[in-house]
Amino acid sequence: MLLDLHTHSIKSDDGRAKVENYCQWIKAKNIPIDGFVLTEHRQFDAESDYSDLAEKFGLTILKASEVETEYGHVLVYGVTEALTQAFDFSSIELSLERVLEVSEAHGAVAVPCHPGRPRVGMFAHTEELGIPKGVKIVEIYNGGSRDKEDQIAIDNAQSLGYLGVGGSDSHIVSHIGRCATRFDDAIENIDDLVAALKTGKFEAVTLKESV
C-alpha cells in the first residue's frame, strides 16, 4: 500500500488545496497512491471528517500534524486529544526531544521531516545542537526538496541508523504524490499507520518522474 505521508490542505496557513480536489487530481492523473495523510501546520484538525470523500474516491485519508522545534519541523502521527494537551502544537519553539518523548508516551510516532533542508531541517542543526535522542524515523524523500536536500537526509539517516519515509509536502493540488511510503500491510486508519511505522515494515519511494 502506497501512502503520501505529508500533505497540507487549506486548513494550513500556507495550504491552497482542498481535500476533495486532491482526491479528484489523484484519480484524474492516475497517481499511483492509495491515500494520503493531512499534516496541517502547528495544529491537529480534530473537526474535519473526510470519511465520505475517502469512500467516494476509494482512498485512505488520514490526519496528523506538523509541529516546529529547535531542530526544525516534525510530523506527528497518532495525535490524540490527550497529546494535544501535553504540549502546545501552535508553538514554534518546541523541544524536539520532548516532542519525541511525549509522542511516544501517548502511543504516537514523531518523524522529523525534510531533515536535509536548511533552517527547518534537523540535520541543519545537529552540528550546533548535537544528535537528538529518541529519533527513529526521518523523512528521506520530500516532494518539495531542492538540490541535495534529500541526499543529505538519506546519507545522515543511513549513518545514524534511522528508518526513512516519504511524502510530497504538497501545498497545492498538483504536487500530491511526488513522494510516498510503501507499506507491507493495508492501512485503513491512523492506528494501522502508527502500528506499521512502529514495526518498521515500510519503504520510502520517490514518484516525481511519474507525477
N, C-alpha and C. Protein backbone atom coordinates (compact mmCIF):
# COMPACT_ATOMS: atom_id res chain seq x y z
N MET A 1 0.84 -1.19 0.00
CA MET A 1 0.00 0.00 0.00
C MET A 1 0.88 1.24 0.00
N LEU A 2 0.53 2.21 -0.83
CA LEU A 2 1.35 3.40 -1.01
C LEU A 2 0.61 4.64 -0.49
N LEU A 3 1.19 5.29 0.52
CA LEU A 3 0.58 6.47 1.11
C LEU A 3 1.53 7.67 1.05
N ASP A 4 0.99 8.82 0.71
CA ASP A 4 1.71 10.09 0.80
C ASP A 4 1.55 10.57 2.24
N LEU A 5 2.63 10.58 3.00
CA LEU A 5 2.55 10.85 4.44
C LEU A 5 2.69 12.32 4.82
N HIS A 6 2.72 13.23 3.84
CA HIS A 6 2.99 14.63 4.18
C HIS A 6 2.26 15.55 3.20
N THR A 7 1.07 15.99 3.56
CA THR A 7 0.30 16.89 2.69
C THR A 7 -0.36 17.98 3.53
N HIS A 8 -0.69 19.08 2.87
CA HIS A 8 -1.34 20.21 3.54
C HIS A 8 -2.55 20.67 2.73
N SER A 9 -3.63 20.96 3.43
CA SER A 9 -4.83 21.49 2.79
C SER A 9 -5.00 22.96 3.14
N ILE A 10 -6.13 23.53 2.79
CA ILE A 10 -6.41 24.92 3.13
C ILE A 10 -6.53 25.13 4.63
N LYS A 11 -6.55 24.05 5.40
CA LYS A 11 -6.55 24.18 6.86
C LYS A 11 -5.21 24.73 7.36
N SER A 12 -4.14 24.50 6.59
CA SER A 12 -2.84 25.07 6.93
C SER A 12 -2.77 26.50 6.41
N ASP A 13 -2.03 27.35 7.12
CA ASP A 13 -1.99 28.77 6.78
C ASP A 13 -1.41 29.03 5.39
N ASP A 14 -0.57 28.11 4.90
CA ASP A 14 0.02 28.31 3.58
C ASP A 14 -0.47 27.27 2.57
N GLY A 15 -1.50 26.50 2.94
CA GLY A 15 -2.04 25.50 2.04
C GLY A 15 -3.08 26.09 1.11
N ARG A 16 -3.06 25.64 -0.15
CA ARG A 16 -4.02 26.17 -1.14
C ARG A 16 -4.84 25.06 -1.79
N ALA A 17 -4.84 23.88 -1.19
CA ALA A 17 -5.53 22.75 -1.78
C ALA A 17 -6.71 22.30 -0.92
N LYS A 18 -7.85 22.08 -1.56
CA LYS A 18 -8.97 21.46 -0.87
C LYS A 18 -8.81 19.95 -0.95
N VAL A 19 -9.23 19.27 0.10
CA VAL A 19 -9.05 17.83 0.16
C VAL A 19 -9.77 17.13 -0.99
N GLU A 20 -10.96 17.58 -1.32
CA GLU A 20 -11.69 16.97 -2.43
C GLU A 20 -10.93 17.13 -3.74
N ASN A 21 -10.28 18.28 -3.91
CA ASN A 21 -9.51 18.50 -5.14
C ASN A 21 -8.28 17.58 -5.20
N TYR A 22 -7.66 17.29 -4.05
CA TYR A 22 -6.59 16.29 -4.02
C TYR A 22 -7.11 14.96 -4.56
N CYS A 23 -8.27 14.55 -4.04
CA CYS A 23 -8.86 13.27 -4.45
C CYS A 23 -9.13 13.25 -5.95
N GLN A 24 -9.71 14.31 -6.44
CA GLN A 24 -10.03 14.40 -7.87
C GLN A 24 -8.76 14.34 -8.72
N TRP A 25 -7.72 15.01 -8.28
CA TRP A 25 -6.46 15.06 -9.03
C TRP A 25 -5.81 13.68 -9.06
N ILE A 26 -5.79 12.99 -7.93
CA ILE A 26 -5.19 11.66 -7.86
C ILE A 26 -5.85 10.72 -8.86
N LYS A 27 -7.18 10.77 -8.92
CA LYS A 27 -7.90 9.87 -9.83
C LYS A 27 -7.76 10.32 -11.28
N ALA A 28 -7.84 11.62 -11.53
CA ALA A 28 -7.77 12.11 -12.90
C ALA A 28 -6.41 11.87 -13.53
N LYS A 29 -5.36 11.97 -12.73
CA LYS A 29 -3.99 11.82 -13.23
C LYS A 29 -3.43 10.42 -13.00
N ASN A 30 -4.28 9.53 -12.46
CA ASN A 30 -3.84 8.16 -12.18
C ASN A 30 -2.55 8.12 -11.35
N ILE A 31 -2.49 8.96 -10.34
CA ILE A 31 -1.33 8.97 -9.46
C ILE A 31 -1.34 7.69 -8.62
N PRO A 32 -0.26 6.95 -8.61
CA PRO A 32 -0.26 5.61 -8.02
C PRO A 32 -0.15 5.57 -6.50
N ILE A 33 -0.98 6.32 -5.81
CA ILE A 33 -1.02 6.24 -4.35
C ILE A 33 -2.40 5.79 -3.92
N ASP A 34 -2.46 5.14 -2.77
CA ASP A 34 -3.71 4.63 -2.24
C ASP A 34 -4.36 5.57 -1.23
N GLY A 35 -3.66 6.65 -0.91
CA GLY A 35 -4.20 7.61 0.04
C GLY A 35 -3.15 8.59 0.49
N PHE A 36 -3.53 9.43 1.44
CA PHE A 36 -2.61 10.46 1.91
C PHE A 36 -2.95 10.87 3.34
N VAL A 37 -1.98 11.50 3.98
CA VAL A 37 -2.13 11.96 5.35
C VAL A 37 -2.01 13.48 5.37
N LEU A 38 -3.01 14.13 5.95
CA LEU A 38 -3.01 15.59 6.07
C LEU A 38 -2.27 15.97 7.34
N THR A 39 -1.16 16.68 7.16
CA THR A 39 -0.29 17.05 8.28
C THR A 39 -0.31 18.57 8.42
N GLU A 40 -1.40 19.10 8.92
CA GLU A 40 -1.57 20.56 8.98
C GLU A 40 -0.58 21.19 9.94
N HIS A 41 -0.11 22.38 9.57
CA HIS A 41 0.91 23.09 10.35
C HIS A 41 0.40 23.54 11.71
N ARG A 42 1.21 23.24 12.75
CA ARG A 42 1.03 23.77 14.11
C ARG A 42 -0.38 23.58 14.66
N GLN A 43 -0.97 22.44 14.37
CA GLN A 43 -2.33 22.15 14.85
C GLN A 43 -2.65 20.70 14.58
N PHE A 44 -3.73 20.24 15.22
CA PHE A 44 -4.33 18.98 14.81
C PHE A 44 -5.79 19.27 14.49
N ASP A 45 -6.18 18.99 13.27
CA ASP A 45 -7.53 19.28 12.79
C ASP A 45 -8.48 18.17 13.24
N ALA A 46 -9.00 18.30 14.46
CA ALA A 46 -9.88 17.27 15.00
C ALA A 46 -11.28 17.34 14.42
N GLU A 47 -11.67 18.49 13.89
CA GLU A 47 -13.06 18.69 13.50
C GLU A 47 -13.42 18.13 12.12
N SER A 48 -12.49 18.09 11.20
CA SER A 48 -12.81 17.68 9.83
C SER A 48 -13.00 16.17 9.72
N ASP A 49 -14.03 15.78 8.98
CA ASP A 49 -14.32 14.37 8.74
C ASP A 49 -14.29 14.12 7.23
N TYR A 50 -13.30 13.34 6.79
CA TYR A 50 -13.14 13.10 5.36
C TYR A 50 -13.58 11.69 4.96
N SER A 51 -14.34 11.03 5.81
CA SER A 51 -14.73 9.64 5.55
C SER A 51 -15.59 9.51 4.29
N ASP A 52 -16.46 10.49 4.05
CA ASP A 52 -17.30 10.42 2.84
C ASP A 52 -16.45 10.55 1.58
N LEU A 53 -15.48 11.46 1.61
CA LEU A 53 -14.58 11.62 0.46
C LEU A 53 -13.75 10.36 0.25
N ALA A 54 -13.28 9.80 1.35
CA ALA A 54 -12.47 8.58 1.26
C ALA A 54 -13.25 7.45 0.59
N GLU A 55 -14.51 7.32 0.99
CA GLU A 55 -15.34 6.27 0.41
C GLU A 55 -15.66 6.55 -1.06
N LYS A 56 -15.97 7.82 -1.35
CA LYS A 56 -16.34 8.20 -2.72
C LYS A 56 -15.21 7.93 -3.70
N PHE A 57 -13.98 8.24 -3.30
CA PHE A 57 -12.84 8.14 -4.22
C PHE A 57 -12.01 6.87 -4.01
N GLY A 58 -12.39 6.07 -3.02
CA GLY A 58 -11.64 4.84 -2.78
C GLY A 58 -10.23 5.08 -2.29
N LEU A 59 -10.07 6.09 -1.43
CA LEU A 59 -8.75 6.45 -0.91
C LEU A 59 -8.74 6.40 0.61
N THR A 60 -7.59 6.18 1.17
CA THR A 60 -7.40 6.32 2.61
C THR A 60 -6.99 7.76 2.90
N ILE A 61 -7.76 8.46 3.72
CA ILE A 61 -7.44 9.84 4.08
C ILE A 61 -7.31 9.92 5.60
N LEU A 62 -6.11 10.23 6.06
CA LEU A 62 -5.83 10.27 7.49
C LEU A 62 -5.36 11.67 7.89
N LYS A 63 -5.33 11.90 9.20
CA LYS A 63 -4.93 13.22 9.71
C LYS A 63 -3.81 13.09 10.72
N ALA A 64 -2.85 14.00 10.62
CA ALA A 64 -1.73 14.06 11.55
C ALA A 64 -1.39 15.54 11.76
N SER A 65 -0.15 15.83 12.12
CA SER A 65 0.24 17.22 12.38
C SER A 65 1.69 17.45 11.97
N GLU A 66 2.01 18.72 11.75
CA GLU A 66 3.41 19.13 11.57
C GLU A 66 3.69 20.24 12.58
N VAL A 67 4.63 19.98 13.49
CA VAL A 67 4.96 20.95 14.53
C VAL A 67 6.39 21.45 14.34
N GLU A 68 6.74 22.50 15.10
CA GLU A 68 8.03 23.15 14.89
C GLU A 68 8.88 23.10 16.16
N THR A 69 10.13 22.68 15.99
CA THR A 69 11.05 22.55 17.12
C THR A 69 12.35 23.29 16.83
N GLU A 70 13.26 23.27 17.80
CA GLU A 70 14.54 23.94 17.61
C GLU A 70 15.40 23.23 16.57
N TYR A 71 15.03 21.99 16.25
CA TYR A 71 15.73 21.22 15.21
C TYR A 71 15.03 21.29 13.86
N GLY A 72 13.91 22.00 13.79
CA GLY A 72 13.16 22.05 12.55
C GLY A 72 11.79 21.41 12.70
N HIS A 73 11.18 21.08 11.58
CA HIS A 73 9.79 20.62 11.57
C HIS A 73 9.69 19.12 11.79
N VAL A 74 8.58 18.72 12.41
CA VAL A 74 8.38 17.32 12.79
C VAL A 74 6.94 16.91 12.52
N LEU A 75 6.77 15.77 11.85
CA LEU A 75 5.44 15.21 11.62
C LEU A 75 5.08 14.32 12.80
N VAL A 76 3.82 14.42 13.26
CA VAL A 76 3.37 13.61 14.39
C VAL A 76 2.14 12.81 13.95
N TYR A 77 2.28 11.49 13.98
CA TYR A 77 1.21 10.58 13.59
C TYR A 77 0.62 9.90 14.82
N GLY A 78 -0.71 9.82 14.87
CA GLY A 78 -1.37 9.21 16.02
C GLY A 78 -1.73 10.22 17.09
N VAL A 79 -2.06 11.43 16.66
CA VAL A 79 -2.39 12.50 17.60
C VAL A 79 -3.72 12.20 18.30
N THR A 80 -3.73 12.31 19.61
CA THR A 80 -4.93 12.17 20.41
C THR A 80 -5.22 13.48 21.12
N GLU A 81 -6.42 13.58 21.69
CA GLU A 81 -6.75 14.79 22.44
C GLU A 81 -5.79 15.00 23.59
N ALA A 82 -5.45 13.90 24.25
CA ALA A 82 -4.51 14.00 25.38
C ALA A 82 -3.15 14.51 24.92
N LEU A 83 -2.70 14.08 23.74
CA LEU A 83 -1.41 14.53 23.24
C LEU A 83 -1.44 16.02 22.91
N THR A 84 -2.56 16.51 22.38
CA THR A 84 -2.65 17.94 22.07
C THR A 84 -2.59 18.80 23.33
N GLN A 85 -2.89 18.19 24.47
CA GLN A 85 -2.82 18.92 25.74
C GLN A 85 -1.47 18.77 26.42
N ALA A 86 -0.66 17.84 25.91
CA ALA A 86 0.64 17.56 26.53
C ALA A 86 1.70 18.57 26.12
N PHE A 87 1.57 19.13 24.91
CA PHE A 87 2.43 20.24 24.50
C PHE A 87 1.67 21.12 23.53
N ASP A 88 2.16 22.35 23.36
CA ASP A 88 1.46 23.35 22.57
C ASP A 88 1.80 23.18 21.09
N PHE A 89 0.88 22.60 20.34
CA PHE A 89 1.11 22.35 18.92
C PHE A 89 1.34 23.65 18.14
N SER A 90 0.84 24.75 18.61
CA SER A 90 0.95 26.02 17.89
C SER A 90 2.30 26.71 18.11
N SER A 91 3.07 26.25 19.07
CA SER A 91 4.35 26.88 19.38
C SER A 91 5.36 26.64 18.27
N ILE A 92 6.24 27.61 18.05
CA ILE A 92 7.32 27.44 17.07
C ILE A 92 8.65 27.22 17.78
N GLU A 93 8.60 26.98 19.10
CA GLU A 93 9.82 26.81 19.89
C GLU A 93 9.77 25.54 20.74
N LEU A 94 9.20 24.49 20.19
CA LEU A 94 9.12 23.23 20.93
C LEU A 94 10.48 22.56 21.01
N SER A 95 10.64 21.69 22.00
CA SER A 95 11.83 20.87 22.12
C SER A 95 11.61 19.57 21.36
N LEU A 96 12.50 19.26 20.42
CA LEU A 96 12.35 18.04 19.64
C LEU A 96 12.35 16.81 20.55
N GLU A 97 13.28 16.74 21.49
CA GLU A 97 13.36 15.57 22.34
C GLU A 97 12.09 15.42 23.17
N ARG A 98 11.48 16.53 23.58
CA ARG A 98 10.22 16.44 24.33
C ARG A 98 9.09 15.98 23.41
N VAL A 99 9.04 16.50 22.20
CA VAL A 99 8.01 16.06 21.25
C VAL A 99 8.13 14.56 21.01
N LEU A 100 9.34 14.07 20.82
CA LEU A 100 9.57 12.65 20.61
C LEU A 100 9.15 11.83 21.82
N GLU A 101 9.56 12.27 22.99
CA GLU A 101 9.28 11.54 24.22
C GLU A 101 7.79 11.51 24.54
N VAL A 102 7.15 12.68 24.47
CA VAL A 102 5.74 12.78 24.81
C VAL A 102 4.88 12.04 23.78
N SER A 103 5.26 12.16 22.51
CA SER A 103 4.52 11.46 21.47
C SER A 103 4.56 9.95 21.71
N GLU A 104 5.74 9.44 22.00
CA GLU A 104 5.87 8.00 22.25
C GLU A 104 5.07 7.58 23.47
N ALA A 105 5.07 8.42 24.49
CA ALA A 105 4.32 8.10 25.71
C ALA A 105 2.83 8.02 25.45
N HIS A 106 2.35 8.75 24.44
CA HIS A 106 0.93 8.76 24.10
C HIS A 106 0.61 7.81 22.94
N GLY A 107 1.57 6.97 22.58
CA GLY A 107 1.34 5.99 21.53
C GLY A 107 1.48 6.52 20.13
N ALA A 108 1.98 7.74 19.97
CA ALA A 108 2.15 8.38 18.66
C ALA A 108 3.58 8.19 18.16
N VAL A 109 3.81 8.58 16.91
CA VAL A 109 5.14 8.50 16.30
C VAL A 109 5.51 9.86 15.74
N ALA A 110 6.67 10.40 16.14
CA ALA A 110 7.15 11.69 15.67
C ALA A 110 8.30 11.49 14.70
N VAL A 111 8.21 12.18 13.55
CA VAL A 111 9.16 11.98 12.45
C VAL A 111 9.67 13.33 11.96
N PRO A 112 10.93 13.68 12.21
CA PRO A 112 11.47 14.91 11.63
C PRO A 112 11.35 14.89 10.11
N CYS A 113 10.81 15.96 9.54
CA CYS A 113 10.58 15.99 8.09
C CYS A 113 11.57 16.91 7.40
N HIS A 114 11.72 16.71 6.09
CA HIS A 114 12.72 17.39 5.26
C HIS A 114 13.98 17.74 6.07
N PRO A 115 14.60 16.72 6.69
CA PRO A 115 15.72 16.99 7.59
C PRO A 115 16.98 17.51 6.91
N GLY A 116 17.04 17.39 5.57
CA GLY A 116 18.20 17.91 4.86
C GLY A 116 18.06 19.35 4.43
N ARG A 117 16.96 19.98 4.79
CA ARG A 117 16.67 21.35 4.36
C ARG A 117 17.32 22.37 5.30
N PRO A 118 17.85 23.45 4.77
CA PRO A 118 18.40 24.50 5.64
C PRO A 118 17.31 25.07 6.57
N ARG A 119 17.71 25.42 7.75
CA ARG A 119 16.90 26.10 8.76
C ARG A 119 15.77 25.24 9.34
N VAL A 120 14.91 24.68 8.52
CA VAL A 120 13.76 23.93 9.04
C VAL A 120 13.96 22.42 9.02
N GLY A 121 15.19 21.97 8.73
CA GLY A 121 15.50 20.54 8.70
C GLY A 121 16.44 20.17 9.84
N MET A 122 16.26 18.99 10.40
CA MET A 122 17.00 18.58 11.59
C MET A 122 18.51 18.58 11.39
N PHE A 123 18.98 18.10 10.24
CA PHE A 123 20.42 17.98 10.05
C PHE A 123 21.11 19.33 9.85
N ALA A 124 20.33 20.39 9.71
CA ALA A 124 20.93 21.72 9.65
C ALA A 124 21.34 22.19 11.05
N HIS A 125 20.92 21.46 12.08
CA HIS A 125 21.15 21.90 13.45
C HIS A 125 21.97 20.92 14.28
N THR A 126 22.26 19.75 13.74
CA THR A 126 22.94 18.75 14.56
C THR A 126 24.38 19.11 14.89
N GLU A 127 25.05 19.86 14.00
CA GLU A 127 26.43 20.25 14.31
C GLU A 127 26.48 21.18 15.51
N GLU A 128 25.51 22.08 15.59
CA GLU A 128 25.47 23.03 16.71
C GLU A 128 24.84 22.42 17.96
N LEU A 129 23.74 21.68 17.78
CA LEU A 129 22.96 21.21 18.93
C LEU A 129 23.23 19.76 19.31
N GLY A 130 23.92 19.03 18.43
CA GLY A 130 24.17 17.62 18.70
C GLY A 130 23.08 16.73 18.11
N ILE A 131 23.31 15.43 18.18
CA ILE A 131 22.33 14.46 17.68
C ILE A 131 21.24 14.29 18.74
N PRO A 132 20.00 14.57 18.40
CA PRO A 132 18.93 14.47 19.40
C PRO A 132 18.63 13.02 19.77
N LYS A 133 18.21 12.82 21.00
CA LYS A 133 17.86 11.48 21.47
C LYS A 133 16.42 11.15 21.07
N GLY A 134 16.20 9.91 20.72
CA GLY A 134 14.84 9.45 20.50
C GLY A 134 14.38 9.37 19.07
N VAL A 135 15.17 9.89 18.12
CA VAL A 135 14.77 9.83 16.71
C VAL A 135 14.93 8.40 16.20
N LYS A 136 13.90 7.89 15.55
CA LYS A 136 13.94 6.56 14.96
C LYS A 136 13.66 6.58 13.46
N ILE A 137 12.86 7.55 13.04
CA ILE A 137 12.46 7.66 11.64
C ILE A 137 12.59 9.11 11.20
N VAL A 138 13.06 9.34 9.99
CA VAL A 138 13.06 10.68 9.41
C VAL A 138 12.50 10.59 7.99
N GLU A 139 12.07 11.70 7.47
CA GLU A 139 11.60 11.77 6.09
C GLU A 139 12.81 11.91 5.17
N ILE A 140 13.01 10.93 4.30
CA ILE A 140 14.18 10.98 3.42
C ILE A 140 13.82 11.41 2.00
N TYR A 141 12.56 11.26 1.63
CA TYR A 141 12.09 11.76 0.33
C TYR A 141 10.99 12.78 0.58
N ASN A 142 11.20 14.01 0.11
CA ASN A 142 10.23 15.09 0.27
C ASN A 142 10.00 15.73 -1.09
N GLY A 143 8.73 15.85 -1.46
CA GLY A 143 8.40 16.36 -2.80
C GLY A 143 8.81 17.78 -3.06
N GLY A 144 9.09 18.54 -2.00
CA GLY A 144 9.49 19.93 -2.17
C GLY A 144 10.99 20.14 -2.05
N SER A 145 11.76 19.07 -1.94
CA SER A 145 13.20 19.20 -1.76
C SER A 145 13.88 19.77 -3.00
N ARG A 146 14.96 20.49 -2.76
CA ARG A 146 15.77 21.06 -3.83
C ARG A 146 17.21 20.59 -3.68
N ASP A 147 17.96 20.77 -4.76
CA ASP A 147 19.39 20.48 -4.75
C ASP A 147 19.65 19.09 -4.15
N LYS A 148 20.45 19.04 -3.08
CA LYS A 148 20.85 17.76 -2.49
C LYS A 148 20.17 17.52 -1.15
N GLU A 149 19.04 18.16 -0.91
CA GLU A 149 18.39 18.04 0.40
C GLU A 149 18.01 16.61 0.74
N ASP A 150 17.43 15.89 -0.22
CA ASP A 150 17.06 14.50 0.05
C ASP A 150 18.30 13.64 0.25
N GLN A 151 19.34 13.89 -0.53
CA GLN A 151 20.56 13.10 -0.38
C GLN A 151 21.20 13.31 0.98
N ILE A 152 21.16 14.54 1.47
CA ILE A 152 21.65 14.83 2.82
C ILE A 152 20.86 14.03 3.84
N ALA A 153 19.53 13.99 3.65
CA ALA A 153 18.68 13.23 4.55
C ALA A 153 18.99 11.74 4.50
N ILE A 154 19.15 11.20 3.28
CA ILE A 154 19.44 9.78 3.10
C ILE A 154 20.78 9.41 3.73
N ASP A 155 21.80 10.21 3.45
CA ASP A 155 23.14 9.90 3.95
C ASP A 155 23.19 9.92 5.47
N ASN A 156 22.59 10.93 6.06
CA ASN A 156 22.59 11.04 7.53
C ASN A 156 21.73 9.96 8.17
N ALA A 157 20.61 9.64 7.56
CA ALA A 157 19.75 8.58 8.10
C ALA A 157 20.48 7.25 8.10
N GLN A 158 21.20 6.97 7.02
CA GLN A 158 21.95 5.71 6.94
C GLN A 158 23.04 5.66 8.00
N SER A 159 23.76 6.76 8.16
CA SER A 159 24.87 6.76 9.11
C SER A 159 24.40 6.67 10.55
N LEU A 160 23.19 7.16 10.82
CA LEU A 160 22.66 7.16 12.19
C LEU A 160 21.69 6.02 12.46
N GLY A 161 21.42 5.21 11.44
CA GLY A 161 20.55 4.06 11.64
C GLY A 161 19.07 4.38 11.70
N TYR A 162 18.66 5.49 11.08
CA TYR A 162 17.24 5.85 11.07
C TYR A 162 16.51 5.17 9.92
N LEU A 163 15.26 4.85 10.13
CA LEU A 163 14.39 4.43 9.04
C LEU A 163 13.92 5.67 8.28
N GLY A 164 13.44 5.46 7.04
CA GLY A 164 13.04 6.61 6.22
C GLY A 164 11.65 6.48 5.65
N VAL A 165 10.92 7.62 5.62
CA VAL A 165 9.61 7.67 4.98
C VAL A 165 9.64 8.73 3.88
N GLY A 166 8.56 8.76 3.08
CA GLY A 166 8.46 9.75 2.01
C GLY A 166 7.10 10.42 1.99
N GLY A 167 7.10 11.68 1.61
CA GLY A 167 5.85 12.43 1.47
C GLY A 167 6.04 13.61 0.54
N SER A 168 4.97 14.06 -0.08
CA SER A 168 5.08 15.11 -1.09
C SER A 168 5.30 16.49 -0.50
N ASP A 169 4.86 16.71 0.76
CA ASP A 169 4.87 18.06 1.34
C ASP A 169 4.07 19.00 0.44
N SER A 170 2.98 18.48 -0.12
CA SER A 170 2.19 19.26 -1.08
C SER A 170 1.40 20.36 -0.37
N HIS A 171 1.38 21.53 -1.01
CA HIS A 171 0.56 22.65 -0.57
C HIS A 171 -0.43 23.05 -1.66
N ILE A 172 -0.18 22.55 -2.86
CA ILE A 172 -1.10 22.75 -3.98
C ILE A 172 -1.45 21.39 -4.58
N VAL A 173 -2.58 21.32 -5.24
CA VAL A 173 -3.14 20.05 -5.69
C VAL A 173 -2.17 19.26 -6.56
N SER A 174 -1.51 19.91 -7.50
CA SER A 174 -0.70 19.20 -8.49
C SER A 174 0.59 18.61 -7.91
N HIS A 175 0.90 18.89 -6.66
CA HIS A 175 2.14 18.37 -6.07
C HIS A 175 1.93 17.08 -5.28
N ILE A 176 0.68 16.67 -5.07
CA ILE A 176 0.46 15.48 -4.25
C ILE A 176 1.01 14.23 -4.95
N GLY A 177 1.52 13.31 -4.16
CA GLY A 177 2.02 12.05 -4.70
C GLY A 177 3.42 12.10 -5.28
N ARG A 178 4.14 13.18 -5.09
CA ARG A 178 5.51 13.24 -5.63
C ARG A 178 6.44 12.26 -4.90
N CYS A 179 6.18 12.07 -3.61
CA CYS A 179 6.91 11.08 -2.83
C CYS A 179 5.90 10.38 -1.92
N ALA A 180 6.22 9.17 -1.52
CA ALA A 180 5.28 8.41 -0.71
C ALA A 180 6.02 7.34 0.08
N THR A 181 5.24 6.55 0.81
CA THR A 181 5.81 5.46 1.60
C THR A 181 5.03 4.19 1.30
N ARG A 182 5.75 3.13 1.00
CA ARG A 182 5.13 1.84 0.69
C ARG A 182 5.11 0.97 1.95
N PHE A 183 3.92 0.46 2.27
CA PHE A 183 3.75 -0.38 3.44
C PHE A 183 3.44 -1.82 3.03
N ASP A 184 3.94 -2.76 3.81
CA ASP A 184 3.66 -4.17 3.55
C ASP A 184 2.20 -4.51 3.81
N ASP A 185 1.62 -3.87 4.83
CA ASP A 185 0.26 -4.19 5.25
C ASP A 185 -0.71 -3.09 4.84
N ALA A 186 -1.98 -3.43 4.78
CA ALA A 186 -3.02 -2.44 4.46
C ALA A 186 -3.15 -1.42 5.59
N ILE A 187 -3.34 -0.17 5.22
CA ILE A 187 -3.51 0.91 6.19
C ILE A 187 -4.92 1.47 6.00
N GLU A 188 -5.78 1.23 6.96
CA GLU A 188 -7.16 1.69 6.85
C GLU A 188 -7.47 2.85 7.80
N ASN A 189 -6.67 3.01 8.84
CA ASN A 189 -6.92 4.06 9.81
C ASN A 189 -5.60 4.48 10.44
N ILE A 190 -5.66 5.50 11.29
CA ILE A 190 -4.42 6.05 11.86
C ILE A 190 -3.74 5.04 12.77
N ASP A 191 -4.51 4.18 13.44
CA ASP A 191 -3.90 3.16 14.30
C ASP A 191 -3.08 2.18 13.46
N ASP A 192 -3.60 1.83 12.29
CA ASP A 192 -2.84 0.96 11.38
C ASP A 192 -1.54 1.61 10.96
N LEU A 193 -1.61 2.91 10.67
CA LEU A 193 -0.41 3.64 10.23
C LEU A 193 0.63 3.69 11.34
N VAL A 194 0.20 4.04 12.54
CA VAL A 194 1.13 4.10 13.67
C VAL A 194 1.76 2.74 13.93
N ALA A 195 0.94 1.69 13.89
CA ALA A 195 1.47 0.35 14.11
C ALA A 195 2.50 -0.02 13.06
N ALA A 196 2.21 0.32 11.81
CA ALA A 196 3.15 -0.01 10.73
C ALA A 196 4.45 0.76 10.88
N LEU A 197 4.37 2.02 11.27
CA LEU A 197 5.58 2.81 11.47
C LEU A 197 6.43 2.24 12.61
N LYS A 198 5.76 1.72 13.62
CA LYS A 198 6.50 1.15 14.75
C LYS A 198 7.15 -0.18 14.41
N THR A 199 6.56 -0.93 13.49
CA THR A 199 7.15 -2.22 13.10
C THR A 199 8.32 -2.06 12.15
N GLY A 200 8.36 -0.92 11.46
CA GLY A 200 9.44 -0.69 10.51
C GLY A 200 9.23 -1.34 9.16
N LYS A 201 8.03 -1.85 8.90
CA LYS A 201 7.77 -2.53 7.63
C LYS A 201 7.27 -1.53 6.58
N PHE A 202 8.17 -0.70 6.11
CA PHE A 202 7.82 0.31 5.11
C PHE A 202 9.06 0.74 4.36
N GLU A 203 8.83 1.44 3.26
CA GLU A 203 9.94 1.89 2.41
C GLU A 203 9.57 3.22 1.78
N ALA A 204 10.44 4.19 1.85
CA ALA A 204 10.22 5.48 1.21
C ALA A 204 10.46 5.36 -0.28
N VAL A 205 9.59 5.99 -1.07
CA VAL A 205 9.74 5.96 -2.52
C VAL A 205 9.54 7.36 -3.08
N THR A 206 10.21 7.64 -4.20
CA THR A 206 10.01 8.90 -4.90
C THR A 206 9.28 8.62 -6.21
N LEU A 207 8.26 9.41 -6.47
CA LEU A 207 7.43 9.23 -7.66
C LEU A 207 7.45 10.48 -8.54
N LYS A 208 8.42 11.33 -8.34
CA LYS A 208 8.46 12.63 -9.02
C LYS A 208 8.39 12.49 -10.53
N GLU A 209 9.03 11.46 -11.07
CA GLU A 209 9.06 11.31 -12.52
C GLU A 209 7.72 10.87 -13.10
N SER A 210 6.89 10.23 -12.27
CA SER A 210 5.61 9.72 -12.75
C SER A 210 4.45 10.65 -12.45
N VAL A 211 4.71 11.75 -11.74
CA VAL A 211 3.64 12.68 -11.36
C VAL A 211 3.71 13.92 -12.22
